[in-house]
Protein backbone atom coordinates (compact mmCIF):
# COMPACT_ATOMS: atom_id res chain seq x y z
CA UNK A 1 95.33 89.40 100.15
CA UNK A 2 95.91 91.90 97.37
CA UNK A 3 93.60 94.86 96.76
CA UNK A 4 91.69 95.28 93.51
CA UNK A 5 92.86 98.54 91.98
CA UNK A 6 90.62 100.23 89.42
CA UNK A 7 90.56 103.40 87.36
CA UNK A 8 88.19 104.88 89.95
CA UNK A 9 90.13 104.04 93.15
CA UNK A 10 93.68 104.41 91.75
CA UNK A 11 94.31 107.93 93.03
CA UNK A 12 93.08 107.15 96.55
CA UNK A 13 94.74 103.73 96.92
CA UNK A 14 98.02 104.35 95.08
CA UNK A 15 98.86 108.03 94.67
CA UNK A 16 97.72 109.07 98.18
CA UNK A 17 99.18 106.04 99.98
CA UNK A 18 101.62 106.73 102.81
CA UNK A 19 103.13 103.26 102.22
CA UNK A 20 104.99 101.86 99.20
CA UNK A 21 102.63 100.35 96.61
CA UNK A 22 103.15 97.43 94.22
CA UNK A 23 100.65 97.11 91.38
CA UNK A 24 100.40 94.01 89.23
CA UNK A 25 98.95 94.98 85.83
CA UNK A 26 97.37 91.78 84.49
CA UNK A 27 94.58 90.20 82.41
CA UNK A 28 92.70 86.91 82.67
CA UNK A 29 93.90 85.71 79.24
CA UNK A 30 97.60 86.27 80.07
CA UNK A 31 99.48 83.04 80.89
CA UNK A 32 102.51 84.67 82.55
CA UNK A 33 100.08 86.79 84.62
CA UNK A 34 98.55 83.60 86.01
CA UNK A 35 102.06 82.37 86.88
CA UNK A 36 102.94 85.52 88.82
CA UNK A 37 99.52 85.94 90.50
CA UNK A 38 100.23 83.58 93.43
CA UNK A 39 103.58 85.32 94.04
CA UNK A 40 101.82 88.69 94.26
CA UNK A 41 99.35 87.20 96.76
CA UNK A 42 102.22 85.82 98.88
CA UNK A 43 103.88 89.24 98.92
CA UNK A 44 100.56 90.84 99.92
CA UNK A 45 100.44 88.55 102.95
CA UNK A 46 104.12 88.98 103.84
CA UNK A 47 104.05 92.79 103.53
CA UNK A 48 100.64 93.36 105.14
CA UNK A 49 100.81 96.64 107.08
CA UNK A 50 104.13 97.62 105.46
CA UNK A 51 103.11 98.03 101.82
CA UNK A 52 99.99 98.12 99.66
CA UNK A 53 99.87 95.29 97.13
CA UNK A 54 97.25 95.47 94.42
CA UNK A 55 96.20 94.04 91.08
CA UNK A 56 94.81 96.06 88.19
CA UNK A 57 93.02 94.23 85.37
CA UNK A 58 94.07 96.09 82.20
CA UNK A 59 90.99 94.94 80.26
CA UNK A 60 88.62 96.43 82.84
CA UNK A 61 90.72 99.51 83.70
CA UNK A 62 92.34 100.85 80.51
CA UNK A 63 92.72 104.45 81.75
CA UNK A 64 95.46 103.80 84.33
CA UNK A 65 97.19 101.20 82.13
CA UNK A 66 97.34 103.69 79.26
CA UNK A 67 98.44 106.54 81.54
CA UNK A 68 101.46 104.52 82.70
CA UNK A 69 102.34 103.17 79.24
CA UNK A 70 101.65 99.52 80.01
CA UNK A 71 102.33 97.71 76.71
CA UNK A 72 103.24 94.22 77.96
CA UNK A 73 101.82 92.27 80.88
CA UNK A 74 102.45 91.23 83.50
CA UNK A 75 103.89 94.60 84.38
CA UNK A 76 104.58 95.44 88.00
CA UNK A 77 105.03 99.05 89.02
CA UNK A 78 106.43 100.10 92.38
CA UNK A 79 105.18 103.44 93.72
CA UNK A 80 106.45 105.53 96.61
CA UNK A 81 105.07 108.95 97.46
CA UNK A 82 102.77 108.77 94.44
CA UNK A 83 105.66 108.31 91.98
CA UNK A 84 106.83 105.25 90.05
CA UNK A 85 110.19 104.28 91.55
CA UNK A 86 110.74 100.86 89.97
CA UNK A 87 109.26 98.56 87.34
CA UNK A 88 109.36 94.91 86.35
CA UNK A 89 107.91 93.58 83.09
CA UNK A 90 107.33 89.86 82.63
CA UNK A 91 107.14 86.93 85.00
CA UNK A 92 110.13 86.70 87.34
CA UNK A 93 111.00 84.65 90.44
CA UNK A 94 109.56 85.83 93.75
CA UNK A 95 112.92 86.94 95.20
CA UNK A 96 113.32 89.59 92.48
CA UNK A 97 109.97 91.20 93.33
CA UNK A 98 110.60 90.82 97.05
CA UNK A 99 113.98 92.57 96.76
CA UNK A 100 112.48 95.47 94.78
CA UNK A 101 109.62 95.80 97.28
CA UNK A 102 111.96 95.56 100.28
CA UNK A 103 114.06 98.40 98.82
CA UNK A 104 110.95 100.63 98.98
CA UNK A 105 109.79 99.49 102.42
CA UNK A 106 113.24 100.07 103.90
C-alpha cells in the first residue's frame, strides 16, 4: 500500500529515505489520476521493502507541489538520495513506470 506524503512529512519520508522513492502527485478531481492510482498501488505492493511509493494530493499539499514545479497531474517523480532522478507526466501503462522504478532500485 502506498504512503500518504504531505508537506509536513515530505522531508522525512522522501528526502531522507535510503531507498528510491516514487511520488504520485494527484488530485481527487483528476480523471487520469484515478486511472493511474491502481497502478501506483500495485507497484507499492511489488516493490515493498525495495522502494518507497507514495501519493501526494496537490490540493491538500501545495507547498511540495509548487516547490517541484508540478503544473500537470498526474505527475510522478522518482527520487534517489533526496534528488529527482526521473519524471513522468500523464497517465502511462504500468510497464513504463515499473521500468523507471526498476532502474532506480537496481
